[in-house]
Each structure stands twice: as C-alpha cells, then as structure tokens.
Amino acid sequence: MDLFDAEMGGRDDQGLDAGGGWSWCGVITVGVLVLLVVLVSWLLGLVGRIL
C-alpha cells in the first residue's frame, strides 16, 4: 500500500504494477462503507425493538 497511490493523483512514475495493490483511498472507502452498513443495521435493529 502506498500513501500517495490514489487514483486522482498519485506518483509520477507511469510504470505498470504487476499486482493489483490497494491504495489508501480504496482502503478508506471500503472502511467507511463497512461502518455505514454496521450503523444502518444497528439503527434498523433499534427501530425494530422500539416498534
């Protein structure tokens, strides 16, 4: 993983990578999506218990 390897900018070397590594942008995006799914699930469970 490279801190400066986001899709919008990134480093200047234009070489092709052999593997499909994760950028920090991708890791943060997946983390936020997982937290959002957990939060929505928790909220729906809370509403279900109230009603």
N, C-alpha and C. Protein backbone atom coordinates (compact mmCIF):
# COMPACT_ATOMS: atom_id res chain seq x y z
N MET A 1 0.85 -1.17 0.00
CA MET A 1 0.00 0.00 0.00
C MET A 1 0.89 1.23 0.00
N ASP A 2 0.52 2.21 -0.78
CA ASP A 2 1.30 3.42 -0.87
C ASP A 2 0.40 4.61 -0.54
N LEU A 3 0.87 5.47 0.35
CA LEU A 3 0.06 6.60 0.80
C LEU A 3 -0.29 7.54 -0.35
N PHE A 4 0.58 7.64 -1.34
CA PHE A 4 0.37 8.58 -2.45
C PHE A 4 -0.10 7.86 -3.71
N ASP A 5 -0.84 6.79 -3.57
CA ASP A 5 -1.22 5.98 -4.73
C ASP A 5 -2.72 6.03 -4.97
N ALA A 6 -3.33 7.18 -4.76
CA ALA A 6 -4.76 7.32 -5.04
C ALA A 6 -4.99 7.49 -6.54
N GLU A 7 -6.17 7.18 -6.97
CA GLU A 7 -6.48 7.24 -8.40
C GLU A 7 -6.47 8.66 -8.95
N MET A 8 -6.82 9.66 -8.12
CA MET A 8 -6.94 11.02 -8.62
C MET A 8 -5.59 11.69 -8.85
N GLY A 9 -4.59 11.26 -8.16
CA GLY A 9 -3.29 11.90 -8.31
C GLY A 9 -2.23 10.84 -8.36
N GLY A 10 -1.51 10.73 -7.28
CA GLY A 10 -0.56 9.65 -7.19
C GLY A 10 0.83 10.08 -7.59
N ARG A 11 1.69 9.14 -7.67
CA ARG A 11 3.09 9.41 -8.00
C ARG A 11 3.26 9.57 -9.49
N ASP A 12 4.42 10.07 -9.86
CA ASP A 12 4.65 10.38 -11.26
C ASP A 12 5.14 9.20 -12.08
N ASP A 13 5.60 8.11 -11.45
CA ASP A 13 6.09 7.02 -12.28
C ASP A 13 4.92 6.34 -12.96
N GLN A 14 5.03 6.13 -14.23
CA GLN A 14 3.93 5.61 -15.03
C GLN A 14 4.09 4.11 -15.31
N GLY A 15 4.98 3.45 -14.58
CA GLY A 15 5.19 2.02 -14.79
C GLY A 15 3.98 1.22 -14.34
N LEU A 16 3.80 0.08 -14.97
CA LEU A 16 2.68 -0.78 -14.63
C LEU A 16 3.07 -1.66 -13.46
N ASP A 17 2.19 -1.80 -12.51
CA ASP A 17 2.43 -2.68 -11.38
C ASP A 17 2.01 -4.09 -11.74
N ALA A 18 2.76 -5.05 -11.23
CA ALA A 18 2.45 -6.44 -11.53
C ALA A 18 1.20 -6.89 -10.78
N GLY A 19 1.04 -6.43 -9.55
CA GLY A 19 -0.12 -6.84 -8.76
C GLY A 19 -1.14 -5.73 -8.68
N GLY A 20 -2.33 -6.07 -8.25
CA GLY A 20 -3.38 -5.07 -8.07
C GLY A 20 -3.43 -4.63 -6.63
N GLY A 21 -2.50 -3.81 -6.19
CA GLY A 21 -2.44 -3.39 -4.80
C GLY A 21 -3.54 -2.40 -4.46
N TRP A 22 -3.83 -2.32 -3.18
CA TRP A 22 -4.85 -1.39 -2.70
C TRP A 22 -4.21 -0.05 -2.40
N SER A 23 -4.86 1.02 -2.80
CA SER A 23 -4.40 2.35 -2.41
C SER A 23 -5.07 2.73 -1.10
N TRP A 24 -4.55 3.74 -0.42
CA TRP A 24 -5.16 4.20 0.83
C TRP A 24 -6.57 4.71 0.57
N CYS A 25 -6.79 5.29 -0.60
CA CYS A 25 -8.13 5.78 -0.95
C CYS A 25 -9.14 4.63 -0.97
N GLY A 26 -8.75 3.51 -1.54
CA GLY A 26 -9.63 2.35 -1.60
C GLY A 26 -9.88 1.75 -0.24
N VAL A 27 -8.83 1.68 0.59
CA VAL A 27 -8.98 1.12 1.93
C VAL A 27 -9.91 1.98 2.77
N ILE A 28 -9.74 3.30 2.70
CA ILE A 28 -10.60 4.21 3.47
C ILE A 28 -12.04 4.13 2.97
N THR A 29 -12.24 4.04 1.66
CA THR A 29 -13.59 3.95 1.10
C THR A 29 -14.29 2.68 1.57
N VAL A 30 -13.60 1.55 1.52
CA VAL A 30 -14.20 0.30 1.97
C VAL A 30 -14.48 0.34 3.47
N GLY A 31 -13.58 0.92 4.24
CA GLY A 31 -13.79 1.06 5.68
C GLY A 31 -15.01 1.90 6.01
N VAL A 32 -15.18 3.01 5.31
CA VAL A 32 -16.33 3.88 5.55
C VAL A 32 -17.62 3.16 5.16
N LEU A 33 -17.59 2.42 4.05
CA LEU A 33 -18.79 1.69 3.64
C LEU A 33 -19.16 0.61 4.65
N VAL A 34 -18.17 -0.09 5.19
CA VAL A 34 -18.46 -1.12 6.19
C VAL A 34 -19.05 -0.48 7.44
N LEU A 35 -18.47 0.64 7.88
CA LEU A 35 -19.02 1.33 9.06
C LEU A 35 -20.44 1.82 8.81
N LEU A 36 -20.71 2.28 7.59
CA LEU A 36 -22.06 2.74 7.26
C LEU A 36 -23.05 1.59 7.29
N VAL A 37 -22.67 0.43 6.79
CA VAL A 37 -23.55 -0.74 6.81
C VAL A 37 -23.82 -1.17 8.25
N VAL A 38 -22.79 -1.16 9.09
CA VAL A 38 -22.98 -1.53 10.50
C VAL A 38 -23.90 -0.52 11.20
N LEU A 39 -23.71 0.76 10.93
CA LEU A 39 -24.55 1.78 11.54
C LEU A 39 -26.01 1.64 11.11
N VAL A 40 -26.25 1.42 9.84
CA VAL A 40 -27.63 1.27 9.35
C VAL A 40 -28.26 0.02 9.95
N SER A 41 -27.49 -1.07 10.04
CA SER A 41 -28.02 -2.29 10.64
C SER A 41 -28.37 -2.07 12.11
N TRP A 42 -27.51 -1.36 12.83
CA TRP A 42 -27.77 -1.08 14.24
C TRP A 42 -29.02 -0.20 14.39
N LEU A 43 -29.14 0.82 13.53
CA LEU A 43 -30.30 1.71 13.61
C LEU A 43 -31.60 0.97 13.29
N LEU A 44 -31.57 0.10 12.28
CA LEU A 44 -32.78 -0.66 11.95
C LEU A 44 -33.15 -1.62 13.07
N GLY A 45 -32.17 -2.21 13.73
CA GLY A 45 -32.45 -3.07 14.87
C GLY A 45 -33.05 -2.29 16.02
N LEU A 46 -32.55 -1.07 16.23
CA LEU A 46 -33.08 -0.22 17.29
C LEU A 46 -34.51 0.19 17.00
N VAL A 47 -34.80 0.56 15.78
CA VAL A 47 -36.17 0.92 15.38
C VAL A 47 -37.09 -0.29 15.49
N GLY A 48 -36.59 -1.47 15.13
CA GLY A 48 -37.40 -2.68 15.23
C GLY A 48 -37.77 -3.01 16.67
N ARG A 49 -36.85 -2.75 17.60
CA ARG A 49 -37.16 -3.02 19.00
C ARG A 49 -38.14 -2.00 19.56
N ILE A 50 -38.07 -0.77 19.07
CA ILE A 50 -38.98 0.28 19.55
C ILE A 50 -40.40 0.03 19.05
N LEU A 51 -40.54 -0.35 17.80
CA LEU A 51 -41.86 -0.59 17.22
C LEU A 51 -42.27 -2.00 17.50
